[in-house]
C-alpha atoms as a PDB file:
ATOM      1  CA  MET A   1      20.182  36.844 117.680  1.00  0.00           C
ATOM      2  CA  LYS A   2      22.423  36.444 114.690  1.00  0.00           C
ATOM      3  CA  LYS A   3      21.373  38.138 111.502  1.00  0.00           C
ATOM      4  CA  LEU A   4      20.200  35.778 108.781  1.00  0.00           C
ATOM      5  CA  SER A   5      21.956  35.953 105.457  1.00  0.00           C
ATOM      6  CA  ARG A   6      20.027  37.166 102.423  1.00  0.00           C
ATOM      7  CA  ARG A   7      20.372  33.692 100.848  1.00  0.00           C
ATOM      8  CA  LYS A   8      18.870  32.015 103.931  1.00  0.00           C
ATOM      9  CA  ILE A   9      15.975  34.476 104.061  1.00  0.00           C
ATOM     10  CA  ILE A  10      15.142  33.724 100.411  1.00  0.00           C
ATOM     11  CA  LYS A  11      15.369  29.988 101.098  1.00  0.00           C
ATOM     12  CA  LEU A  12      13.018  30.228 104.078  1.00  0.00           C
ATOM     13  CA  SER A  13      10.576  32.341 102.055  1.00  0.00           C
ATOM     14  CA  LEU A  14      10.473  29.740  99.296  1.00  0.00           C
ATOM     15  CA  ILE A  15       9.874  26.936 101.803  1.00  0.00           C
ATOM     16  CA  SER A  16       7.084  28.953 103.440  1.00  0.00           C
ATOM     17  CA  GLY A  17       5.438  29.670 100.073  1.00  0.00           C
ATOM     18  CA  MET A  18       5.592  26.028  99.034  1.00  0.00           C
ATOM     19  CA  THR A  19       4.129  24.946 102.381  1.00  0.00           C
ATOM     20  CA  GLY A  20       1.281  27.400 101.990  1.00  0.00           C
ATOM     21  CA  LEU A  21       0.572  26.137  98.479  1.00  0.00           C
ATOM     22  CA  PHE A  22       0.602  22.533  99.719  1.00  0.00           C
ATOM     23  CA  ILE A  23      -1.863  23.357 102.499  1.00  0.00           C
ATOM     24  CA  CYS A  24      -4.096  25.224 100.033  1.00  0.00           C
ATOM     25  CA  ASN A  25      -4.077  22.312  97.603  1.00  0.00           C
ATOM     26  CA  ARG A  26      -4.828  19.855 100.394  1.00  0.00           C
ATOM     27  CA  GLY A  27      -7.766  22.044 101.389  1.00  0.00           C
ATOM     28  CA  PHE A  28      -9.098  21.961  97.819  1.00  0.00           C
ATOM     29  CA  ALA A  29      -8.575  18.194  97.625  1.00  0.00           C
ATOM     30  CA  LYS A  30     -10.710  17.719 100.718  1.00  0.00           C
ATOM     31  CA  GLY A  31     -13.462  19.906  99.240  1.00  0.00           C
ATOM     32  CA  LEU A  32     -13.175  22.454 102.052  1.00  0.00           C
ATOM     33  CA  THR A  33     -13.487  25.497  99.810  1.00  0.00           C
ATOM     34  CA  LEU A  34     -16.239  24.854  97.263  1.00  0.00           C
ATOM     35  CA  ILE A  35     -19.601  23.271  97.985  1.00  0.00           C
ATOM     36  CA  PRO A  36     -21.389  21.406  95.170  1.00  0.00           C
ATOM     37  CA  THR A  37     -24.424  23.032  93.589  1.00  0.00           C
ATOM     38  CA  PRO A  38     -27.550  21.791  95.398  1.00  0.00           C
ATOM     39  CA  SER A  39     -29.528  19.071  93.674  1.00  0.00           C
ATOM     40  CA  GLU A  40     -33.248  19.289  92.978  1.00  0.00           C
ATOM     41  CA  THR A  41     -36.007  17.069  91.703  1.00  0.00           C
ATOM     42  CA  GLU A  42     -36.143  16.436  87.965  1.00  0.00           C
ATOM     43  CA  GLY A  43     -39.853  17.180  87.907  1.00  0.00           C
ATOM     44  CA  PRO A  44     -42.499  15.461  85.784  1.00  0.00           C
ATOM     45  CA  PHE A  45     -41.846  17.180  82.468  1.00  0.00           C
ATOM     46  CA  TYR A  46     -38.503  15.889  81.210  1.00  0.00           C
ATOM     47  CA  PRO A  47     -38.999  15.531  77.425  1.00  0.00           C
ATOM     48  CA  VAL A  48     -40.317  12.148  76.315  1.00  0.00           C
ATOM     49  CA  ARG A  49     -40.496  12.827  72.581  1.00  0.00           C
ATOM     50  CA  ASP A  50     -37.164  13.130  70.816  1.00  0.00           C
ATOM     51  CA  GLN A  51     -36.587  16.113  68.563  1.00  0.00           C
ATOM     52  CA  LYS A  52     -33.983  16.909  65.944  1.00  0.00           C
ATOM     53  CA  ASP A  53     -33.194  20.432  67.107  1.00  0.00           C
ATOM     54  CA  LYS A  54     -31.575  20.466  70.555  1.00  0.00           C
ATOM     55  CA  ASP A  55     -28.946  23.149  69.961  1.00  0.00           C
ATOM     56  CA  ALA A  56     -27.923  26.108  72.143  1.00  0.00           C
ATOM     57  CA  ASP A  57     -30.521  28.509  70.690  1.00  0.00           C
ATOM     58  CA  LEU A  58     -33.906  27.602  72.145  1.00  0.00           C
ATOM     59  CA  THR A  59     -35.562  30.681  70.648  1.00  0.00           C
ATOM     60  CA  ARG A  60     -35.538  29.206  67.136  1.00  0.00           C
ATOM     61  CA  ILE A  61     -36.471  25.812  65.734  1.00  0.00           C
ATOM     62  CA  ASP A  62     -34.959  24.616  62.461  1.00  0.00           C
ATOM     63  CA  GLY A  63     -37.489  25.021  59.681  1.00  0.00           C
ATOM     64  CA  HIS A  64     -39.637  27.582  61.526  1.00  0.00           C
ATOM     65  CA  THR A  65     -39.892  31.142  60.266  1.00  0.00           C
ATOM     66  CA  ASP A  66     -41.047  32.696  63.542  1.00  0.00           C
ATOM     67  CA  VAL A  67     -39.100  32.871  66.805  1.00  0.00           C
ATOM     68  CA  ALA A  68     -40.203  32.094  70.343  1.00  0.00           C
ATOM     69  CA  GLN A  69     -42.439  34.456  72.264  1.00  0.00           C
ATOM     70  CA  GLY A  70     -41.301  36.248  75.411  1.00  0.00           C
ATOM     71  CA  GLN A  71     -38.131  37.913  76.660  1.00  0.00           C
ATOM     72  CA  HIS A  72     -35.113  36.445  74.924  1.00  0.00           C
ATOM     73  CA  ILE A  73     -32.062  36.082  77.185  1.00  0.00           C
ATOM     74  CA  ILE A  74     -28.560  34.625  77.332  1.00  0.00           C
ATOM     75  CA  ILE A  75     -27.551  32.177  80.072  1.00  0.00           C
ATOM     76  CA  THR A  76     -23.829  31.801  80.618  1.00  0.00           C
ATOM     77  CA  GLY A  77     -21.696  30.167  83.268  1.00  0.00           C
ATOM     78  CA  LYS A  78     -18.782  27.970  84.193  1.00  0.00           C
ATOM     79  CA  ILE A  79     -18.703  24.401  85.463  1.00  0.00           C
ATOM     80  CA  THR A  80     -16.011  23.644  88.029  1.00  0.00           C
ATOM     81  CA  ASP A  81     -15.351  20.845  90.495  1.00  0.00           C
ATOM     82  CA  ILE A  82     -15.001  21.234  94.261  1.00  0.00           C
ATOM     83  CA  THR A  83     -11.290  22.003  93.855  1.00  0.00           C
ATOM     84  CA  GLY A  84     -12.070  24.948  91.590  1.00  0.00           C
ATOM     85  CA  GLN A  85     -10.827  23.243  88.422  1.00  0.00           C
ATOM     86  CA  ALA A  86     -12.829  23.668  85.218  1.00  0.00           C
ATOM     87  CA  VAL A  87     -14.916  20.677  84.160  1.00  0.00           C
ATOM     88  CA  THR A  88     -14.407  20.544  80.412  1.00  0.00           C
ATOM     89  CA  HIS A  89     -16.774  19.004  77.868  1.00  0.00           C
ATOM     90  CA  ALA A  90     -19.449  18.194  80.443  1.00  0.00           C
ATOM     91  CA  VAL A  91     -22.893  17.429  79.003  1.00  0.00           C
ATOM     92  CA  LEU A  92     -25.672  19.848  79.959  1.00  0.00           C
ATOM     93  CA  ASP A  93     -29.158  18.501  79.359  1.00  0.00           C
ATOM     94  CA  LEU A  94     -31.614  21.340  79.950  1.00  0.00           C
ATOM     95  CA  TRP A  95     -35.339  21.835  79.553  1.00  0.00           C
ATOM     96  CA  GLN A  96     -37.901  24.441  80.560  1.00  0.00           C
ATOM     97  CA  ALA A  97     -41.372  25.855  80.066  1.00  0.00           C
ATOM     98  CA  ASP A  98     -41.988  28.455  77.374  1.00  0.00           C
ATOM     99  CA  ALA A  99     -42.799  32.095  78.121  1.00  0.00           C
ATOM    100  CA  ASN A 100     -46.419  31.078  78.742  1.00  0.00           C
ATOM    101  CA  GLY A 101     -45.450  28.533  81.388  1.00  0.00           C
ATOM    102  CA  ARG A 102     -46.101  25.486  79.189  1.00  0.00           C
ATOM    103  CA  TYR A 103     -43.738  22.541  78.622  1.00  0.00           C
ATOM    104  CA  ARG A 104     -43.374  20.613  75.372  1.00  0.00           C
ATOM    105  CA  HIS A 105     -44.657  17.542  77.166  1.00  0.00           C
ATOM    106  CA  PRO A 106     -47.832  15.589  76.376  1.00  0.00           C
ATOM    107  CA  ARG A 107     -48.824  15.326  80.040  1.00  0.00           C
ATOM    108  CA  ASP A 108     -48.433  18.973  80.983  1.00  0.00           C
ATOM    109  CA  PRO A 109     -51.907  19.831  82.362  1.00  0.00           C
ATOM    110  CA  ASN A 110     -51.473  23.591  81.894  1.00  0.00           C
ATOM    111  CA  PRO A 111     -54.356  24.609  79.568  1.00  0.00           C
ATOM    112  CA  ILE A 112     -52.481  27.594  78.144  1.00  0.00           C
ATOM    113  CA  LYS A 113     -51.450  27.357  74.483  1.00  0.00           C
ATOM    114  CA  LEU A 114     -48.002  25.938  73.729  1.00  0.00           C
ATOM    115  CA  ASP A 115     -45.553  28.203  71.904  1.00  0.00           C
ATOM    116  CA  GLU A 116     -44.825  26.061  68.845  1.00  0.00           C
ATOM    117  CA  ASN A 117     -41.738  28.137  68.026  1.00  0.00           C
ATOM    118  CA  PHE A 118     -39.957  27.491  71.309  1.00  0.00           C
ATOM    119  CA  GLN A 119     -37.457  24.634  71.289  1.00  0.00           C
ATOM    120  CA  GLY A 120     -37.920  23.799  74.971  1.00  0.00           C
ATOM    121  CA  TRP A 121     -35.007  21.341  75.240  1.00  0.00           C
ATOM    122  CA  ALA A 122     -31.277  21.500  74.557  1.00  0.00           C
ATOM    123  CA  ILE A 123     -28.269  19.267  75.017  1.00  0.00           C
ATOM    124  CA  ILE A 124     -24.986  21.165  74.905  1.00  0.00           C
ATOM    125  CA  LYS A 125     -21.439  20.839  76.270  1.00  0.00           C
ATOM    126  CA  SER A 126     -19.102  23.018  78.280  1.00  0.00           C
ATOM    127  CA  ASP A 127     -16.031  24.086  76.334  1.00  0.00           C
ATOM    128  CA  GLY A 128     -12.334  23.518  77.007  1.00  0.00           C
ATOM    129  CA  ASN A 129     -12.467  26.063  79.839  1.00  0.00           C
ATOM    130  CA  GLY A 130     -15.634  24.682  81.437  1.00  0.00           C
ATOM    131  CA  LEU A 131     -17.741  27.524  80.009  1.00  0.00           C
ATOM    132  CA  PHE A 132     -21.246  27.161  78.585  1.00  0.00           C
ATOM    133  CA  ARG A 133     -23.694  29.536  76.953  1.00  0.00           C
ATOM    134  CA  PHE A 134     -27.166  29.277  75.477  1.00  0.00           C
ATOM    135  CA  LYS A 135     -29.983  31.507  74.304  1.00  0.00           C
ATOM    136  CA  THR A 136     -33.509  31.033  75.573  1.00  0.00           C
ATOM    137  CA  VAL A 137     -36.518  32.887  76.992  1.00  0.00           C
ATOM    138  CA  ILE A 138     -37.476  33.617  80.564  1.00  0.00           C
ATOM    139  CA  PRO A 139     -39.917  30.777  81.310  1.00  0.00           C
ATOM    140  CA  GLY A 140     -43.369  31.653  82.551  1.00  0.00           C
ATOM    141  CA  ALA A 141     -44.607  30.833  86.039  1.00  0.00           C
ATOM    142  CA  TYR A 142     -47.222  28.085  86.114  1.00  0.00           C
ATOM    143  CA  PRO A 143     -49.554  26.353  88.596  1.00  0.00           C
ATOM    144  CA  ALA A 144     -48.155  23.177  90.164  1.00  0.00           C
ATOM    145  CA  SER A 145     -51.377  22.850  92.208  1.00  0.00           C
ATOM    146  CA  SER A 146     -54.359  24.970  93.196  1.00  0.00           C
ATOM    147  CA  THR A 147     -52.261  26.603  95.933  1.00  0.00           C
ATOM    148  CA  TRP A 148     -48.747  26.530  94.493  1.00  0.00           C
ATOM    149  CA  ILE A 149     -47.375  28.611  91.616  1.00  0.00           C
ATOM    150  CA  ARG A 150     -43.932  27.600  90.434  1.00  0.00           C
ATOM    151  CA  PRO A 151     -41.613  30.540  89.697  1.00  0.00           C
ATOM    152  CA  PRO A 152     -39.667  30.805  86.431  1.00  0.00           C
ATOM    153  CA  HIS A 153     -36.927  28.183  86.430  1.00  0.00           C
ATOM    154  CA  ILE A 154     -34.784  26.055  84.118  1.00  0.00           C
ATOM    155  CA  HIS A 155     -34.022  22.377  84.695  1.00  0.00           C
ATOM    156  CA  PHE A 156     -30.415  21.186  84.365  1.00  0.00           C
ATOM    157  CA  ARG A 157     -28.842  17.750  84.322  1.00  0.00           C
ATOM    158  CA  ILE A 158     -25.047  17.894  84.150  1.00  0.00           C
ATOM    159  CA  SER A 159     -22.920  14.804  83.610  1.00  0.00           C
ATOM    160  CA  LYS A 160     -19.245  14.020  83.083  1.00  0.00           C
ATOM    161  CA  GLN A 161     -17.308  10.812  83.660  1.00  0.00           C
ATOM    162  CA  GLY A 162     -15.695  10.842  87.098  1.00  0.00           C
ATOM    163  CA  TYR A 163     -18.270  13.232  88.583  1.00  0.00           C
ATOM    164  CA  ARG A 164     -21.620  12.786  90.262  1.00  0.00           C
ATOM    165  CA  THR A 165     -24.439  13.551  87.839  1.00  0.00           C
ATOM    166  CA  LEU A 166     -26.205  16.680  89.062  1.00  0.00           C
ATOM    167  CA  THR A 167     -29.897  17.357  88.480  1.00  0.00           C
ATOM    168  CA  THR A 168     -30.918  20.803  89.630  1.00  0.00           C
ATOM    169  CA  GLN A 169     -33.045  23.853  88.861  1.00  0.00           C
ATOM    170  CA  MET A 170     -31.887  27.391  88.120  1.00  0.00           C
ATOM    171  CA  TYR A 171     -34.058  30.272  89.318  1.00  0.00           C
ATOM    172  CA  PHE A 172     -34.188  33.939  88.335  1.00  0.00           C
ATOM    173  CA  PRO A 173     -33.502  36.859  90.685  1.00  0.00           C
ATOM    174  CA  ASP A 174     -36.235  39.161  91.998  1.00  0.00           C
ATOM    175  CA  GLU A 175     -39.119  36.844  91.132  1.00  0.00           C
ATOM    176  CA  ALA A 176     -42.044  37.178  93.561  1.00  0.00           C
ATOM    177  CA  TYR A 177     -42.930  33.478  93.381  1.00  0.00           C
ATOM    178  CA  ASN A 178     -39.434  32.559  94.600  1.00  0.00           C
ATOM    179  CA  GLU A 179     -40.560  33.574  98.083  1.00  0.00           C
ATOM    180  CA  THR A 180     -43.402  31.053  98.180  1.00  0.00           C
ATOM    181  CA  ASP A 181     -42.014  28.195  96.103  1.00  0.00           C
ATOM    182  CA  LEU A 182     -42.167  24.954  98.083  1.00  0.00           C
ATOM    183  CA  LEU A 183     -38.994  23.556  96.509  1.00  0.00           C
ATOM    184  CA  LEU A 184     -36.784  26.632  96.654  1.00  0.00           C
ATOM    185  CA  GLN A 185     -37.897  27.599 100.158  1.00  0.00           C
ATOM    186  CA  ASN A 186     -37.082  24.095 101.363  1.00  0.00           C
ATOM    187  CA  LYS A 187     -33.406  24.952 100.812  1.00  0.00           C
ATOM    188  CA  SER A 188     -31.091  26.820 103.162  1.00  0.00           C
ATOM    189  CA  ALA A 189     -30.248  30.451 102.467  1.00  0.00           C
ATOM    190  CA  ARG A 190     -26.839  29.398 101.130  1.00  0.00           C
ATOM    191  CA  GLU A 191     -28.390  26.792  98.849  1.00  0.00           C
ATOM    192  CA  ARG A 192     -30.969  29.259  97.540  1.00  0.00           C
ATOM    193  CA  SER A 193     -28.207  31.734  96.756  1.00  0.00           C
ATOM    194  CA  ALA A 194     -26.358  29.080  94.733  1.00  0.00           C
ATOM    195  CA  MET A 195     -29.501  28.214  92.742  1.00  0.00           C
ATOM    196  CA  VAL A 196     -30.489  31.749  91.731  1.00  0.00           C
ATOM    197  CA  ALA A 197     -28.780  33.143  88.627  1.00  0.00           C
ATOM    198  CA  ARG A 198     -27.212  36.590  88.617  1.00  0.00           C
ATOM    199  CA  LYS A 199     -28.145  39.242  86.049  1.00  0.00           C
ATOM    200  CA  ILE A 200     -24.839  40.633  84.875  1.00  0.00           C
ATOM    201  CA  ASN A 201     -25.091  42.555  81.623  1.00  0.00           C
ATOM    202  CA  LEU A 202     -26.800  43.262  78.331  1.00  0.00           C
ATOM    203  CA  GLN A 203     -25.790  42.001  74.912  1.00  0.00           C
ATOM    204  CA  GLY A 204     -27.570  44.429  72.671  1.00  0.00           C
ATOM    205  CA  ASN A 205     -31.141  44.137  73.927  1.00  0.00           C
ATOM    206  CA  LEU A 206     -30.590  40.703  75.470  1.00  0.00           C
ATOM    207  CA  PRO A 207     -30.199  40.408  79.245  1.00  0.00           C
ATOM    208  CA  ILE A 208     -27.382  38.073  80.288  1.00  0.00           C
ATOM    209  CA  TYR A 209     -27.690  35.843  83.353  1.00  0.00           C
ATOM    210  CA  GLU A 210     -24.742  34.074  84.963  1.00  0.00           C
ATOM    211  CA  TYR A 211     -25.218  30.661  86.535  1.00  0.00           C
ATOM    212  CA  ASN A 212     -22.105  28.834  87.722  1.00  0.00           C
ATOM    213  CA  ILE A 213     -22.200  25.130  88.591  1.00  0.00           C
ATOM    214  CA  ILE A 214     -19.999  23.104  90.944  1.00  0.00           C
ATOM    215  CA  LEU A 215     -19.795  19.312  90.561  1.00  0.00           C
ATOM    216  CA  ASP A 216     -18.676  16.785  93.151  1.00  0.00           C
ATOM    217  CA  PHE A 217     -16.350  13.892  92.392  1.00  0.00           C
ATOM    218  CA  LEU A 218     -17.953  10.494  91.953  1.00  0.00           C
ATOM    219  CA  HIS A 219     -15.902   8.853  94.709  1.00  0.00           C
ATOM    220  CA  ASN A 220     -16.733  11.446  97.386  1.00  0.00           C
END
């Protein structure tokens, strides 16, 4: 076999690299690598009364001196599409129960007292890199029925033009009620893994949880 010249070897290497990149990109385009975050029911307690303060700090309400009860935390994450590209300036509409397990909703039947200093609802956006961050409290577990206790969770609705609107619920790791929750346990092991946040660090005394979100394209 004749020896290949150095120039030809370099040329073949470049062609091989470009072919590999093309195949990789085609794989992303077909959604073969990333699976969208599982959807979940919106639940009955989406806010029905508008409020002025819907910023990224749910532990404080404008005009209130006191802060919310419970363990204050940071939730951070990145929104990408199924090709791995950042979804910039997506709208995140999020709501949750307070540390007592009570929603700011007039039809919440939970008899426990509402924390009047907890914002309960926020509408924020991902930044130019698809990143989002907000401060909140770990929501309390609460009874959904006489035999079903819902674990701590946060409701998300994420929307951006060109993508399917995703409504889902984020859960916390190592929560006992995760194991018996009728909604979470109705998911596959892979889906459950995608819906449970990961505790990653501390910021001062604040635990930080990471929750990444993958959106599907509208036309898929």
